[in-house]
N, C-alpha and C. Protein backbone atom coordinates (compact mmCIF):
# COMPACT_ATOMS: atom_id res chain seq x y z
N UNK A 1 144.65 54.23 208.74
CA UNK A 1 144.24 54.85 210.03
C UNK A 1 143.09 56.35 210.26
N UNK A 2 142.52 56.31 211.51
CA UNK A 2 141.71 56.55 211.90
C UNK A 2 141.45 58.33 211.65
N UNK A 3 140.71 58.93 211.57
CA UNK A 3 140.84 60.29 211.32
C UNK A 3 140.35 61.28 212.26
N UNK A 4 141.49 61.81 212.51
CA UNK A 4 141.34 62.70 214.43
C UNK A 4 140.14 63.16 214.55
N UNK A 5 139.22 63.52 215.34
CA UNK A 5 138.00 63.92 215.44
C UNK A 5 137.67 65.45 215.49
N UNK A 6 137.11 65.81 214.72
CA UNK A 6 136.61 66.98 214.74
C UNK A 6 136.70 67.88 215.13
N UNK A 7 136.26 67.54 216.88
CA UNK A 7 136.01 68.69 217.61
C UNK A 7 137.73 68.40 218.31
N UNK A 8 138.08 67.51 218.44
CA UNK A 8 139.53 67.38 218.73
C UNK A 8 140.61 68.37 218.11
N UNK A 9 140.16 68.22 216.53
CA UNK A 9 141.23 69.16 215.38
C UNK A 9 141.00 70.51 215.90
N UNK A 10 139.60 71.22 215.99
CA UNK A 10 139.41 72.31 216.26
C UNK A 10 140.06 73.04 217.70
N UNK A 11 140.01 72.30 218.74
CA UNK A 11 140.53 72.44 220.24
C UNK A 11 142.05 72.93 219.50
N UNK A 12 142.79 71.59 219.34
CA UNK A 12 143.85 72.05 219.18
C UNK A 12 144.72 73.11 218.81
N UNK A 13 143.70 73.26 217.24
CA UNK A 13 144.19 74.25 216.32
C UNK A 13 142.62 75.82 215.88
N UNK A 14 142.67 76.42 217.95
CA UNK A 14 142.42 77.42 217.94
C UNK A 14 142.67 78.57 216.85
N UNK A 15 143.66 78.84 216.91
CA UNK A 15 144.48 80.22 215.91
C UNK A 15 144.31 79.66 214.75
N UNK A 16 144.11 78.51 213.97
CA UNK A 16 144.12 78.62 212.88
C UNK A 16 141.98 78.86 212.42
N UNK A 17 141.58 78.54 213.51
CA UNK A 17 140.26 78.77 213.15
C UNK A 17 139.82 80.50 213.09
N UNK A 18 140.35 80.76 214.07
CA UNK A 18 140.68 82.47 214.63
C UNK A 18 140.92 83.52 212.98
N UNK A 19 142.19 82.10 212.61
CA UNK A 19 142.94 82.87 210.74
C UNK A 19 141.78 82.67 209.66
N UNK A 20 140.84 81.77 209.74
CA UNK A 20 140.17 81.25 208.38
C UNK A 20 141.14 80.09 207.60
N UNK A 21 142.37 79.91 208.69
CA UNK A 21 142.43 78.81 207.43
C UNK A 21 141.79 77.25 207.82
N UNK A 22 141.12 77.19 209.42
CA UNK A 22 140.38 75.93 209.05
C UNK A 22 139.38 76.82 209.42
N UNK A 23 138.20 76.01 208.37
CA UNK A 23 137.33 76.56 208.20
C UNK A 23 135.76 75.04 208.73
N UNK A 24 134.53 75.67 209.39
CA UNK A 24 133.66 74.63 209.46
C UNK A 24 132.87 74.41 208.55
N UNK A 25 132.14 73.41 207.96
CA UNK A 25 131.15 73.85 206.53
C UNK A 25 129.81 73.98 207.37
N UNK A 26 129.14 75.06 206.88
CA UNK A 26 127.95 75.24 207.99
C UNK A 26 126.37 74.46 207.00
N UNK A 27 126.43 73.85 205.89
CA UNK A 27 125.98 73.28 205.48
C UNK A 27 125.55 72.12 205.99
N UNK A 28 123.81 71.49 206.16
CA UNK A 28 123.85 69.94 206.95
C UNK A 28 123.65 69.21 206.17
N UNK A 29 124.79 68.51 206.33
CA UNK A 29 125.00 67.07 205.29
C UNK A 29 124.50 66.17 206.65
N UNK A 30 124.00 64.45 205.64
CA UNK A 30 123.70 63.85 206.28
C UNK A 30 124.37 62.90 205.92
N UNK A 31 125.23 61.55 206.70
CA UNK A 31 125.85 60.78 206.44
C UNK A 31 125.40 59.52 205.87
N UNK A 32 126.04 58.94 205.34
CA UNK A 32 126.65 57.37 204.06
C UNK A 32 127.85 56.64 204.57
N UNK A 33 127.61 55.65 204.11
CA UNK A 33 128.52 55.11 203.49
C UNK A 33 129.52 54.45 205.03
N UNK A 34 130.04 53.35 205.00
CA UNK A 34 130.73 52.55 206.46
C UNK A 34 132.10 53.35 206.72
N UNK A 35 132.36 54.56 206.07
CA UNK A 35 133.17 55.33 206.90
C UNK A 35 132.43 56.23 207.11
N UNK A 36 132.50 56.28 208.78
CA UNK A 36 131.96 57.04 209.48
C UNK A 36 132.92 58.49 209.86
N UNK A 37 134.09 58.21 209.43
CA UNK A 37 135.13 59.63 210.07
C UNK A 37 136.23 59.29 208.47
N UNK A 38 136.87 60.60 208.49
CA UNK A 38 137.57 60.36 206.98
C UNK A 38 137.67 61.69 206.65
N UNK A 39 139.03 61.64 206.47
CA UNK A 39 140.07 63.06 206.00
C UNK A 39 141.08 62.38 204.69
N UNK A 40 141.50 63.96 204.13
CA UNK A 40 142.32 63.43 203.04
C UNK A 40 142.62 65.20 202.38
N UNK A 41 143.08 65.43 201.30
CA UNK A 41 143.28 66.25 200.92
C UNK A 41 142.09 66.24 199.71
N UNK A 42 141.58 67.37 199.14
CA UNK A 42 140.50 67.43 198.36
C UNK A 42 140.37 67.53 197.22
N UNK A 43 139.87 66.91 196.41
CA UNK A 43 139.84 67.46 194.74
C UNK A 43 138.16 67.94 194.71
N UNK A 44 138.65 68.74 193.84
CA UNK A 44 136.67 69.59 193.73
C UNK A 44 136.43 69.22 191.90
N UNK A 45 135.10 69.59 191.79
CA UNK A 45 134.29 69.02 190.81
C UNK A 45 133.39 70.41 190.70
N UNK A 46 132.70 70.88 190.00
CA UNK A 46 132.15 71.79 190.40
C UNK A 46 130.56 71.03 188.90
N UNK A 47 129.67 70.65 189.06
CA UNK A 47 128.54 70.37 188.09
C UNK A 47 127.14 70.74 188.42
N UNK A 48 126.54 70.72 187.46
CA UNK A 48 125.29 70.64 188.02
C UNK A 48 124.03 69.62 187.19
N UNK A 49 123.65 69.02 188.23
CA UNK A 49 122.44 68.26 187.55
C UNK A 49 122.90 66.55 186.27
N UNK A 50 124.56 66.64 186.54
CA UNK A 50 125.39 65.85 185.57
C UNK A 50 126.49 65.26 186.48
N UNK A 51 126.58 64.07 186.27
CA UNK A 51 127.70 63.37 186.91
C UNK A 51 129.06 62.87 185.80
N UNK A 52 128.88 63.01 184.38
CA UNK A 52 129.80 62.64 183.80
C UNK A 52 131.31 62.96 184.23
N UNK A 53 131.33 63.86 185.03
CA UNK A 53 132.69 64.41 185.15
C UNK A 53 133.02 63.49 186.76
N UNK A 54 132.18 63.70 187.22
CA UNK A 54 132.27 63.42 188.99
C UNK A 54 132.96 61.63 188.17
N UNK A 55 132.06 61.11 187.77
CA UNK A 55 132.75 59.06 187.32
C UNK A 55 134.61 59.71 186.78
N UNK A 56 134.32 60.50 186.05
CA UNK A 56 135.98 60.66 185.33
C UNK A 56 136.74 60.56 186.80
N UNK A 57 136.58 61.61 187.71
CA UNK A 57 137.24 61.98 188.71
C UNK A 57 137.56 60.72 189.59
N UNK A 58 135.65 60.23 189.27
CA UNK A 58 136.42 58.64 190.53
C UNK A 58 137.00 57.29 190.06
N UNK A 59 137.05 57.50 189.05
CA UNK A 59 137.91 56.43 188.13
C UNK A 59 139.56 56.48 187.95
N UNK A 60 139.49 57.57 188.43
CA UNK A 60 141.04 57.86 188.84
C UNK A 60 141.33 57.62 189.92
N UNK A 61 143.03 57.10 190.49
CA UNK A 61 143.55 56.95 191.50
C UNK A 61 143.22 57.88 192.41
N UNK A 62 142.15 57.25 193.82
CA UNK A 62 142.07 57.98 194.79
C UNK A 62 143.07 58.55 195.56
N UNK A 63 143.95 57.51 195.91
CA UNK A 63 144.85 57.75 196.82
C UNK A 63 144.76 58.41 198.34
N UNK A 64 143.28 57.90 198.98
CA UNK A 64 143.03 59.01 199.93
C UNK A 64 142.39 59.91 199.96
N UNK A 65 142.24 61.06 198.98
CA UNK A 65 142.11 61.90 198.74
C UNK A 65 140.70 62.13 198.83
N UNK A 66 139.58 63.26 198.64
CA UNK A 66 138.72 63.62 199.11
C UNK A 66 137.60 63.86 197.83
N UNK A 67 136.78 63.64 197.60
CA UNK A 67 136.51 64.30 196.01
C UNK A 67 134.77 65.40 196.71
N UNK A 68 134.91 66.50 196.93
CA UNK A 68 134.49 67.59 196.79
C UNK A 68 133.61 68.00 196.09
N UNK A 69 132.13 67.72 196.22
CA UNK A 69 131.12 67.72 194.54
C UNK A 69 129.96 68.87 195.07
N UNK A 70 130.39 69.74 193.58
CA UNK A 70 129.49 71.27 194.91
C UNK A 70 128.67 70.86 193.13
N UNK A 71 127.41 71.05 193.47
CA UNK A 71 126.36 70.19 192.80
C UNK A 71 124.97 71.25 193.30
N UNK A 72 125.88 72.66 193.26
CA UNK A 72 124.75 73.91 193.50
C UNK A 72 124.14 73.25 194.76
N UNK A 73 124.05 72.40 194.94
CA UNK A 73 122.76 72.47 196.31
C UNK A 73 121.69 71.63 195.46
N UNK A 74 121.96 71.32 194.40
CA UNK A 74 120.38 70.95 193.51
C UNK A 74 119.47 69.64 194.32
N UNK A 75 118.68 69.51 194.78
CA UNK A 75 117.74 68.06 194.60
C UNK A 75 116.63 67.47 193.84
N UNK A 76 117.04 67.81 192.98
CA UNK A 76 116.37 67.62 191.76
C UNK A 76 116.91 66.16 190.97
N UNK A 77 118.08 65.76 191.36
CA UNK A 77 118.65 64.07 190.63
C UNK A 77 119.63 63.96 191.59
N UNK A 78 120.29 62.63 191.23
CA UNK A 78 120.95 62.01 192.70
C UNK A 78 123.19 62.53 191.73
N UNK A 79 123.73 62.81 192.16
CA UNK A 79 124.81 62.99 191.46
C UNK A 79 125.88 61.82 191.93
N UNK A 80 125.49 60.87 192.64
CA UNK A 80 126.08 59.54 193.22
C UNK A 80 125.06 58.51 193.43
N UNK A 81 125.59 57.33 192.59
CA UNK A 81 124.47 55.97 193.62
C UNK A 81 125.79 55.40 193.86
N UNK A 82 125.01 54.21 194.05
CA UNK A 82 125.95 52.73 194.28
C UNK A 82 126.52 52.03 193.31
N UNK A 83 126.82 52.43 192.52
CA UNK A 83 127.60 51.82 191.19
C UNK A 83 129.18 52.85 191.63
N UNK A 84 128.81 54.27 191.21
CA UNK A 84 129.95 55.17 191.77
C UNK A 84 130.77 54.97 193.50
N UNK A 85 129.60 54.82 194.35
CA UNK A 85 130.37 54.46 195.51
C UNK A 85 131.09 53.41 195.62
N UNK A 86 130.71 52.21 194.74
CA UNK A 86 132.15 51.44 194.16
C UNK A 86 133.27 51.30 193.96
N UNK A 87 132.86 52.69 192.70
CA UNK A 87 134.29 52.80 191.78
C UNK A 87 135.06 53.42 193.29
N UNK A 88 134.35 54.98 193.92
CA UNK A 88 135.38 55.04 194.49
C UNK A 88 136.20 54.03 195.86
N UNK A 89 135.39 53.43 196.26
CA UNK A 89 136.32 52.54 197.38
C UNK A 89 136.90 51.42 196.61
N UNK A 90 136.90 50.93 195.36
CA UNK A 90 137.87 50.33 194.80
C UNK A 90 139.21 51.13 194.37
N UNK A 91 139.11 52.27 193.87
CA UNK A 91 139.80 52.97 194.34
C UNK A 91 140.90 53.99 194.84
N UNK A 92 139.99 53.68 195.46
CA UNK A 92 141.20 54.49 197.20
C UNK A 92 140.57 55.68 197.73
N UNK A 93 139.48 55.93 197.22
CA UNK A 93 139.30 57.44 197.83
C UNK A 93 138.66 57.46 199.04
N UNK A 94 139.11 58.51 200.30
CA UNK A 94 138.59 57.92 201.38
C UNK A 94 137.13 58.82 201.45
N UNK A 95 136.68 59.43 200.49
CA UNK A 95 135.14 60.12 200.71
C UNK A 95 135.25 60.56 199.64
N UNK A 96 133.38 60.73 199.57
CA UNK A 96 132.90 62.18 198.99
C UNK A 96 132.04 62.80 199.53
N UNK A 97 132.39 64.10 199.09
CA UNK A 97 131.46 65.05 199.91
C UNK A 97 130.68 65.97 198.99
N UNK A 98 128.67 65.75 199.12
CA UNK A 98 128.04 65.92 197.78
C UNK A 98 127.00 67.10 198.13
N UNK A 99 127.44 68.43 197.35
CA UNK A 99 126.39 69.31 197.78
C UNK A 99 125.27 68.91 196.75
N UNK A 100 124.63 68.45 197.19
CA UNK A 100 123.79 67.90 196.44
C UNK A 100 123.31 66.50 196.63
N UNK A 101 122.43 65.27 195.88
CA UNK A 101 121.39 64.68 196.15
C UNK A 101 122.53 63.06 195.85
N UNK A 102 122.48 61.86 196.85
CA UNK A 102 123.00 60.63 196.08
C UNK A 102 121.52 59.50 195.84
N UNK A 103 122.03 58.52 195.78
CA UNK A 103 121.26 57.36 195.76
C UNK A 103 121.47 56.33 195.54
N UNK A 104 120.83 55.26 195.59
CA UNK A 104 121.20 53.99 196.11
C UNK A 104 121.67 53.48 197.65
N UNK A 105 121.30 54.25 198.41
CA UNK A 105 121.89 54.62 199.85
C UNK A 105 122.19 53.18 200.31
N UNK A 106 121.75 51.88 200.24
CA UNK A 106 121.61 50.51 200.45
C UNK A 106 123.02 50.18 200.13
N UNK A 107 123.32 50.35 198.51
CA UNK A 107 124.56 50.09 198.64
C UNK A 107 125.89 50.62 199.01
N UNK A 108 125.44 52.17 199.06
CA UNK A 108 126.17 53.69 199.17
C UNK A 108 126.81 52.94 200.80
N UNK A 109 125.86 52.43 201.61
CA UNK A 109 126.59 52.17 203.08
C UNK A 109 126.78 51.03 202.57
N UNK A 110 127.09 50.15 202.26
CA UNK A 110 127.73 48.79 202.19
C UNK A 110 129.41 49.12 201.79
N UNK A 111 129.31 50.33 200.90
CA UNK A 111 130.64 50.76 200.74
C UNK A 111 131.98 50.80 202.08
N UNK A 112 133.22 50.70 201.88
CA UNK A 112 134.27 51.29 202.55
C UNK A 112 134.73 52.71 202.05
N UNK A 113 133.75 53.50 202.23
CA UNK A 113 134.03 55.29 201.69
C UNK A 113 133.25 55.41 202.81
N UNK A 114 133.69 57.51 203.08
CA UNK A 114 132.75 57.85 203.82
C UNK A 114 131.86 59.10 202.63
N UNK A 115 130.11 59.03 202.53
CA UNK A 115 130.10 59.85 201.64
C UNK A 115 129.19 61.18 203.35
N UNK A 116 128.74 62.62 202.60
CA UNK A 116 128.17 63.41 202.51
C UNK A 116 127.11 63.58 201.83
N UNK A 117 126.08 63.70 201.70
CA UNK A 117 125.09 64.64 201.37
C UNK A 117 124.42 65.13 201.67
N UNK A 118 123.22 65.91 200.84
CA UNK A 118 122.18 66.69 201.40
C UNK A 118 120.98 66.11 201.75
N UNK A 119 121.07 64.98 200.64
CA UNK A 119 119.90 64.03 200.81
C UNK A 119 119.62 62.53 199.70
N UNK A 120 118.48 62.30 199.72
CA UNK A 120 119.16 61.78 198.26
C UNK A 120 117.72 61.46 197.93
N UNK A 121 117.98 61.14 196.18
CA UNK A 121 116.84 61.38 195.22
C UNK A 121 116.68 60.26 194.21
N UNK A 122 116.11 59.27 193.96
CA UNK A 122 116.19 58.12 193.05
C UNK A 122 116.02 58.39 191.69
N UNK A 123 116.08 59.56 191.41
CA UNK A 123 116.55 60.01 189.59
C UNK A 123 117.65 60.45 189.21
N UNK A 124 118.31 59.73 188.37
CA UNK A 124 119.63 59.93 187.88
C UNK A 124 119.65 60.91 187.24
N UNK A 125 121.13 61.37 187.12
CA UNK A 125 121.53 62.81 186.68
C UNK A 125 121.65 62.27 185.05
N UNK A 126 121.96 63.51 184.69
CA UNK A 126 121.82 63.61 182.63
C UNK A 126 123.77 63.18 182.75
N UNK A 127 123.87 62.98 181.69
CA UNK A 127 124.72 62.32 181.04
C UNK A 127 125.85 63.52 179.59
N UNK A 128 125.86 64.63 179.75
CA UNK A 128 126.25 65.69 179.11
C UNK A 128 127.69 66.22 179.50
N UNK A 129 128.41 65.59 180.72
CA UNK A 129 130.12 66.06 180.71
C UNK A 129 129.72 67.77 180.88
N UNK A 130 129.10 68.42 181.34
CA UNK A 130 129.17 69.63 181.81
C UNK A 130 129.54 69.57 182.86
N UNK A 131 130.15 70.97 182.92
CA UNK A 131 130.92 71.43 184.55
C UNK A 131 132.38 71.92 184.48
N UNK A 132 133.19 71.71 185.57
CA UNK A 132 134.57 71.94 185.29
C UNK A 132 135.17 71.20 186.79
N UNK A 133 136.08 70.91 186.58
CA UNK A 133 137.06 69.70 186.93
C UNK A 133 138.40 70.60 188.25
N UNK A 134 138.88 70.35 189.51
CA UNK A 134 140.36 71.33 189.55
C UNK A 134 139.68 72.84 189.89
N UNK A 135 138.44 72.84 190.49
CA UNK A 135 138.43 74.49 190.14
C UNK A 135 138.14 74.99 191.84
N UNK A 136 138.00 75.97 192.49
CA UNK A 136 137.18 76.57 193.23
C UNK A 136 135.89 76.99 193.71
N UNK A 137 135.52 76.24 194.42
CA UNK A 137 133.99 76.28 195.09
C UNK A 137 133.30 76.52 196.19
N UNK A 138 131.85 77.02 196.08
CA UNK A 138 131.38 77.38 197.46
C UNK A 138 130.58 76.36 197.56
N UNK A 139 130.26 76.38 198.60
CA UNK A 139 129.74 75.26 199.59
C UNK A 139 129.16 75.55 201.12
N UNK A 140 127.89 76.45 201.14
CA UNK A 140 127.63 76.37 202.04
C UNK A 140 128.19 78.04 202.97
N UNK A 141 128.49 78.41 201.80
CA UNK A 141 129.00 80.12 202.09
C UNK A 141 130.56 80.05 202.85
N UNK A 142 131.60 78.48 202.76
CA UNK A 142 132.95 78.27 202.83
C UNK A 142 133.55 77.74 201.26
N UNK A 143 134.46 78.82 200.71
CA UNK A 143 135.35 78.81 199.53
C UNK A 143 136.19 77.52 199.83
N UNK A 144 136.19 76.60 198.79
CA UNK A 144 137.23 75.59 198.90
C UNK A 144 138.01 75.32 197.87
N UNK A 145 139.53 75.13 198.31
CA UNK A 145 140.13 75.21 197.04
C UNK A 145 140.95 73.48 196.74
N UNK A 146 141.04 73.51 195.38
CA UNK A 146 142.04 71.54 195.41
C UNK A 146 142.99 71.59 196.15
N UNK A 147 143.18 70.94 196.96
CA UNK A 147 144.55 70.71 197.51
C UNK A 147 144.31 70.73 199.14
N UNK A 148 143.47 71.80 199.71
CA UNK A 148 143.56 71.72 200.87
C UNK A 148 142.91 70.37 201.67
N UNK A 149 142.45 70.50 202.95
CA UNK A 149 142.60 69.22 203.87
C UNK A 149 140.96 69.52 204.08
N UNK A 150 140.17 68.27 203.80
CA UNK A 150 138.81 67.75 204.87
C UNK A 150 139.02 66.61 205.37
N UNK A 151 138.30 67.09 206.92
CA UNK A 151 137.59 66.37 207.89
C UNK A 151 136.48 66.17 208.44
N UNK A 152 135.80 64.55 208.13
CA UNK A 152 134.24 64.47 208.67
C UNK A 152 134.42 63.76 209.63
N UNK A 153 133.54 63.88 210.15
CA UNK A 153 132.90 63.03 211.27
C UNK A 153 131.69 62.97 211.54
N UNK A 154 131.03 63.10 212.10
CA UNK A 154 129.95 62.44 213.10
C UNK A 154 129.16 64.38 213.74
N UNK A 155 130.49 64.75 213.78
CA UNK A 155 130.10 65.87 214.51
C UNK A 155 129.90 67.39 213.34
N UNK A 156 130.76 67.08 212.21
CA UNK A 156 131.16 67.57 211.21
C UNK A 156 131.81 67.64 210.20
N UNK A 157 132.03 68.45 209.25
CA UNK A 157 133.24 69.31 208.19
C UNK A 157 134.08 70.25 208.45
N UNK A 158 135.20 69.80 208.64
CA UNK A 158 135.84 70.82 208.36
C UNK A 158 137.03 70.73 207.31
N UNK A 159 137.64 72.61 207.17
CA UNK A 159 138.20 72.51 205.85
C UNK A 159 139.54 72.89 206.45
N UNK A 160 140.70 72.78 205.87
CA UNK A 160 141.62 73.17 206.10
C UNK A 160 142.56 73.70 205.17
N UNK A 161 143.64 74.69 205.05
CA UNK A 161 144.43 75.04 204.23
C UNK A 161 145.71 74.05 204.14
N UNK A 162 145.64 73.31 205.23
CA UNK A 162 147.03 72.64 205.26
C UNK A 162 146.60 71.23 206.18
N UNK A 163 147.12 70.09 205.80
CA UNK A 163 147.03 68.98 206.91
C UNK A 163 147.24 68.96 208.27
N UNK A 164 146.36 68.79 209.11
CA UNK A 164 146.39 69.18 210.67
C UNK A 164 146.81 68.25 211.80
N UNK A 165 147.36 68.56 212.96
CA UNK A 165 147.27 67.40 213.55
C UNK A 165 146.48 67.37 215.01
N UNK A 166 146.36 66.97 215.67
CA UNK A 166 145.75 67.12 217.48
C UNK A 166 146.61 67.23 218.44
N UNK A 167 147.92 67.75 218.08
CA UNK A 167 149.04 67.53 219.01
C UNK A 167 149.15 68.87 219.41
C-alpha cells in the first residue's frame, strides 16, 4: 500500500499540526532507496559514529516500521551502507531515517526500502556498540518518540503521535 502524500496529510489534519501532534522535520534530508514514499511506526536509536546498534535493530523483523537513527548530525562517517540496506529490505523495514550519513549509495538505491540521510561519506563507522535503543531522540529541533508514526515523501518528513489518514 502506498504511503499517503505528506501534503495531503497536513491538509487533512490541520488541527493536529496546530496542536503539535503532527510535526514537520525541519532538517534537510536527501532521498535514497527505491521507496520514494514510505510510512510506518517509529523505532528509535541514538548513536554517535557507531552503527552496531543500528545493525542489531535492522536484523530484527521490521514489520513495516521505520528506523529513526539519531547520529547527532555527524558527517564524519556513515551509519548505514549497502549491506544494512539489504538487511532492512529483507527484514521488512519500510524505511530508515539517518540524522547522519550513509555510504554505498548505488547499492542502497537498489534496495526496496526508503532511506533519508543528511548526505554521504565513504568512511565506515566505529563498531563499539555504544548508544541507546528505544529512547526519545531530537532531530532538527523535533522530539521523536518510539511508537510514533513517520510519513516521508519528496515533500518532506512528518512525525505524528498516532497513525493518520487523509480522509
